[in-house]
Amino acid sequence: MGLFNRKPKLPPAARPPLEADERVLAWAAAGNGEGDGVVVASNRGLWLPGRPHRIGWHDILKATWSGRELTVTPAEPVAERDGYLVVADGPAETYLLVDPGDVPHQVRARVTRSVAYTRQHALPGGSGRIAARRVAGVDGLSWTIRYDPGTSPDDADVRAETDALVAAARAATAPADV
């Protein structure tokens, strides 16, 4: 994009309620541009039309860009365990971005950058993905497990194995004492 081809600033009426240390990185009108809202990527997360709060980069399980549409699948907390959350796929949300600008790039880069650890593990009767994510503005990592379909998160053996796997992953990723 040349010097004179810059995208206009985000209109004040479309600006989400940013926190004091939050800044807009990119934005795009959603839909046909006739009041469908805007998608705003900030340094803290993604603001989507119709949502009163942003989705933190660490809370996005999947994001895909088709060349015209951005589809975002947020994590939905299912249970809180000792030191980690059990999450599931929330409803996928798709937005047509006619003039996407830098939004797809920012979404990909920020979601990818939030991942500090991810590994698929076999579990009794199924499997799941353990992940550690960086949370913008917070020290440390946020740990989650997303069980694959058919895996019973309430099964005692699954829970015990998950606890052990998360503990081992935390120990393996802990900073070394110097």
Protein backbone atom coordinates (compact mmCIF):
# COMPACT_ATOMS: atom_id res chain seq x y z
CA MET A 1 0.00 0.00 0.00
CA GLY A 2 1.49 3.33 -1.04
CA LEU A 3 1.75 6.47 1.05
CA PHE A 4 -1.40 7.98 -0.47
CA ASN A 5 -3.41 4.72 -0.43
CA ARG A 6 -3.67 4.44 3.35
CA LYS A 7 -6.87 3.14 4.81
CA PRO A 8 -8.87 5.83 6.62
CA LYS A 9 -8.88 5.87 10.42
CA LEU A 10 -11.50 3.87 12.25
CA PRO A 11 -14.60 6.09 12.56
CA PRO A 12 -15.15 7.15 16.20
CA ALA A 13 -18.68 5.68 16.20
CA ALA A 14 -17.23 2.25 15.28
CA ARG A 15 -14.43 2.34 17.87
CA PRO A 16 -14.83 -0.38 20.52
CA PRO A 17 -14.41 0.44 24.23
CA LEU A 18 -10.64 -0.09 24.36
CA GLU A 19 -8.73 -0.37 27.62
CA ALA A 20 -6.20 2.35 28.46
CA ASP A 21 -3.22 0.31 27.15
CA GLU A 22 -5.08 -1.16 24.16
CA ARG A 23 -4.58 0.12 20.63
CA VAL A 24 -6.13 -0.58 17.24
CA LEU A 25 -3.80 -2.48 14.88
CA ALA A 26 -6.18 -3.02 11.94
CA TRP A 27 -9.88 -2.86 11.15
CA ALA A 28 -12.29 -3.76 8.38
CA ALA A 29 -15.96 -3.17 7.69
CA ALA A 30 -17.94 -6.39 8.01
CA GLY A 31 -20.63 -7.37 5.53
CA ASN A 32 -21.63 -5.02 2.76
CA GLY A 33 -20.53 -1.94 4.69
CA GLU A 34 -24.07 -0.75 5.41
CA GLY A 35 -24.12 -0.83 9.18
CA ASP A 36 -23.05 -4.45 9.65
CA GLY A 37 -20.29 -3.32 11.99
CA VAL A 38 -16.54 -3.61 11.99
CA VAL A 39 -13.93 -6.20 12.86
CA VAL A 40 -11.17 -4.59 14.91
CA ALA A 41 -7.83 -6.22 15.72
CA SER A 42 -6.13 -4.70 18.75
CA ASN A 43 -2.97 -5.59 20.61
CA ARG A 44 -5.19 -7.37 23.20
CA GLY A 45 -7.59 -9.31 20.96
CA LEU A 46 -10.32 -9.23 18.34
CA TRP A 47 -13.50 -7.14 18.51
CA LEU A 48 -16.32 -8.64 16.44
CA PRO A 49 -19.64 -7.05 15.46
CA GLY A 50 -22.42 -7.63 17.97
CA ARG A 51 -20.06 -8.63 20.80
CA PRO A 52 -19.78 -6.29 23.80
CA HIS A 53 -16.28 -7.59 24.67
CA ARG A 54 -13.22 -8.54 22.71
CA ILE A 55 -12.05 -12.11 22.29
CA GLY A 56 -8.49 -12.34 23.59
CA TRP A 57 -5.97 -13.77 21.14
CA HIS A 58 -5.45 -16.64 23.58
CA ASP A 59 -9.19 -17.44 23.46
CA ILE A 60 -9.33 -18.05 19.71
CA LEU A 61 -9.13 -21.78 18.95
CA LYS A 62 -9.31 -21.42 15.17
CA ALA A 63 -9.29 -18.57 12.68
CA THR A 64 -9.46 -19.01 8.92
CA TRP A 65 -9.34 -16.56 6.04
CA SER A 66 -10.93 -17.58 2.72
CA GLY A 67 -9.81 -14.49 0.83
CA ARG A 68 -13.19 -12.83 1.50
CA GLU A 69 -14.45 -14.23 4.78
CA LEU A 70 -12.90 -14.38 8.23
CA THR A 71 -14.15 -17.27 10.37
CA VAL A 72 -13.35 -17.25 14.08
CA THR A 73 -13.98 -20.12 16.51
CA PRO A 74 -13.64 -18.95 20.11
CA ALA A 75 -12.91 -21.23 23.05
CA GLU A 76 -15.80 -21.81 25.43
CA PRO A 77 -14.81 -22.70 29.00
CA VAL A 78 -16.40 -25.98 30.07
CA ALA A 79 -14.73 -26.62 33.44
CA GLU A 80 -12.02 -25.17 35.63
CA ARG A 81 -9.46 -27.61 36.96
CA ASP A 82 -6.41 -27.14 39.13
CA GLY A 83 -4.12 -25.00 36.97
CA TYR A 84 -5.97 -25.29 33.64
CA LEU A 85 -9.30 -24.89 31.88
CA VAL A 86 -11.26 -27.45 29.91
CA VAL A 87 -12.48 -25.73 26.73
CA ALA A 88 -14.64 -26.61 23.76
CA ASP A 89 -15.25 -24.99 20.39
CA GLY A 90 -17.69 -22.13 20.66
CA PRO A 91 -19.96 -21.35 17.71
CA ALA A 92 -17.91 -20.30 14.68
CA GLU A 93 -18.58 -16.74 13.54
CA THR A 94 -18.02 -15.73 9.90
CA TYR A 95 -17.66 -12.17 8.62
CA LEU A 96 -17.42 -10.99 5.02
CA LEU A 97 -14.59 -8.43 4.81
CA VAL A 98 -14.81 -6.60 1.48
CA ASP A 99 -11.72 -4.45 2.17
CA PRO A 100 -9.86 -6.54 4.78
CA GLY A 101 -6.68 -4.50 4.91
CA ASP A 102 -4.29 -5.94 7.49
CA VAL A 103 -6.97 -7.72 9.57
CA PRO A 104 -6.32 -11.29 8.29
CA HIS A 105 -2.56 -10.88 8.75
CA GLN A 106 -2.96 -9.49 12.29
CA VAL A 107 -5.35 -12.28 13.29
CA ARG A 108 -3.01 -14.99 12.02
CA ALA A 109 0.11 -13.43 13.53
CA ARG A 110 -1.45 -12.67 16.92
CA VAL A 111 -3.19 -16.01 17.38
CA THR A 112 -0.02 -17.86 16.33
CA ARG A 113 2.15 -15.71 18.60
CA SER A 114 -0.11 -16.45 21.58
CA VAL A 115 0.68 -20.19 21.40
CA ALA A 116 3.60 -21.12 23.66
CA TYR A 117 2.95 -24.87 23.77
CA THR A 118 0.55 -27.22 22.00
CA ARG A 119 0.53 -30.97 21.82
CA GLN A 120 -2.03 -33.66 21.03
CA HIS A 121 -2.15 -36.49 23.58
CA ALA A 122 -3.77 -39.91 23.65
CA LEU A 123 -6.04 -40.32 26.67
CA PRO A 124 -8.08 -43.23 28.01
CA GLY A 125 -10.95 -43.63 25.55
CA GLY A 126 -9.92 -40.73 23.34
CA SER A 127 -7.53 -37.82 23.00
CA GLY A 128 -7.12 -34.11 23.55
CA ARG A 129 -4.95 -31.11 22.83
CA ILE A 130 -3.13 -29.40 25.68
CA ALA A 131 -2.14 -25.82 24.99
CA ALA A 132 -0.39 -23.02 26.85
CA ARG A 133 -1.17 -19.56 25.58
CA ARG A 134 0.33 -16.15 26.25
CA VAL A 135 -2.29 -13.66 27.42
CA ALA A 136 -1.70 -10.08 26.27
CA GLY A 137 -0.84 -7.88 29.25
CA VAL A 138 -0.47 -10.80 31.71
CA ASP A 139 2.66 -12.60 32.92
CA GLY A 140 2.75 -16.37 32.65
CA LEU A 141 0.78 -18.80 30.53
CA SER A 142 -2.86 -19.86 30.43
CA TRP A 143 -3.23 -23.66 30.17
CA THR A 144 -6.14 -25.44 28.49
CA ILE A 145 -7.25 -28.86 27.28
CA ARG A 146 -9.64 -29.33 24.38
CA TYR A 147 -10.90 -32.90 24.33
CA ASP A 148 -11.61 -34.49 20.98
CA PRO A 149 -15.17 -35.67 20.27
CA GLY A 150 -15.95 -38.93 22.04
CA THR A 151 -13.53 -38.31 24.91
CA SER A 152 -15.31 -38.13 28.27
CA PRO A 153 -13.92 -35.16 30.24
CA ASP A 154 -15.65 -36.36 33.42
CA ASP A 155 -14.12 -39.85 33.36
CA ALA A 156 -11.81 -40.27 36.38
CA ASP A 157 -9.02 -41.87 34.31
CA VAL A 158 -9.19 -39.11 31.67
CA ARG A 159 -9.08 -36.44 34.36
CA ALA A 160 -6.13 -38.06 36.17
CA GLU A 161 -4.17 -38.50 32.93
CA THR A 162 -4.94 -34.91 31.89
CA ASP A 163 -3.79 -33.60 35.28
CA ALA A 164 -0.51 -35.52 34.91
CA LEU A 165 0.04 -34.38 31.30
CA VAL A 166 -0.61 -30.72 32.13
CA ALA A 167 1.72 -30.90 35.15
CA ALA A 168 4.47 -32.46 33.01
CA ALA A 169 4.01 -29.84 30.27
CA ARG A 170 4.11 -27.02 32.82
CA ALA A 171 7.32 -28.41 34.30
CA ALA A 172 8.89 -28.81 30.85
CA THR A 173 8.07 -25.22 29.87
CA ALA A 174 8.94 -23.56 33.17
CA PRO A 175 11.86 -21.13 32.99
CA ALA A 176 15.10 -22.63 34.27
CA ASP A 177 16.41 -21.20 37.54
CA VAL A 178 19.67 -19.42 36.99
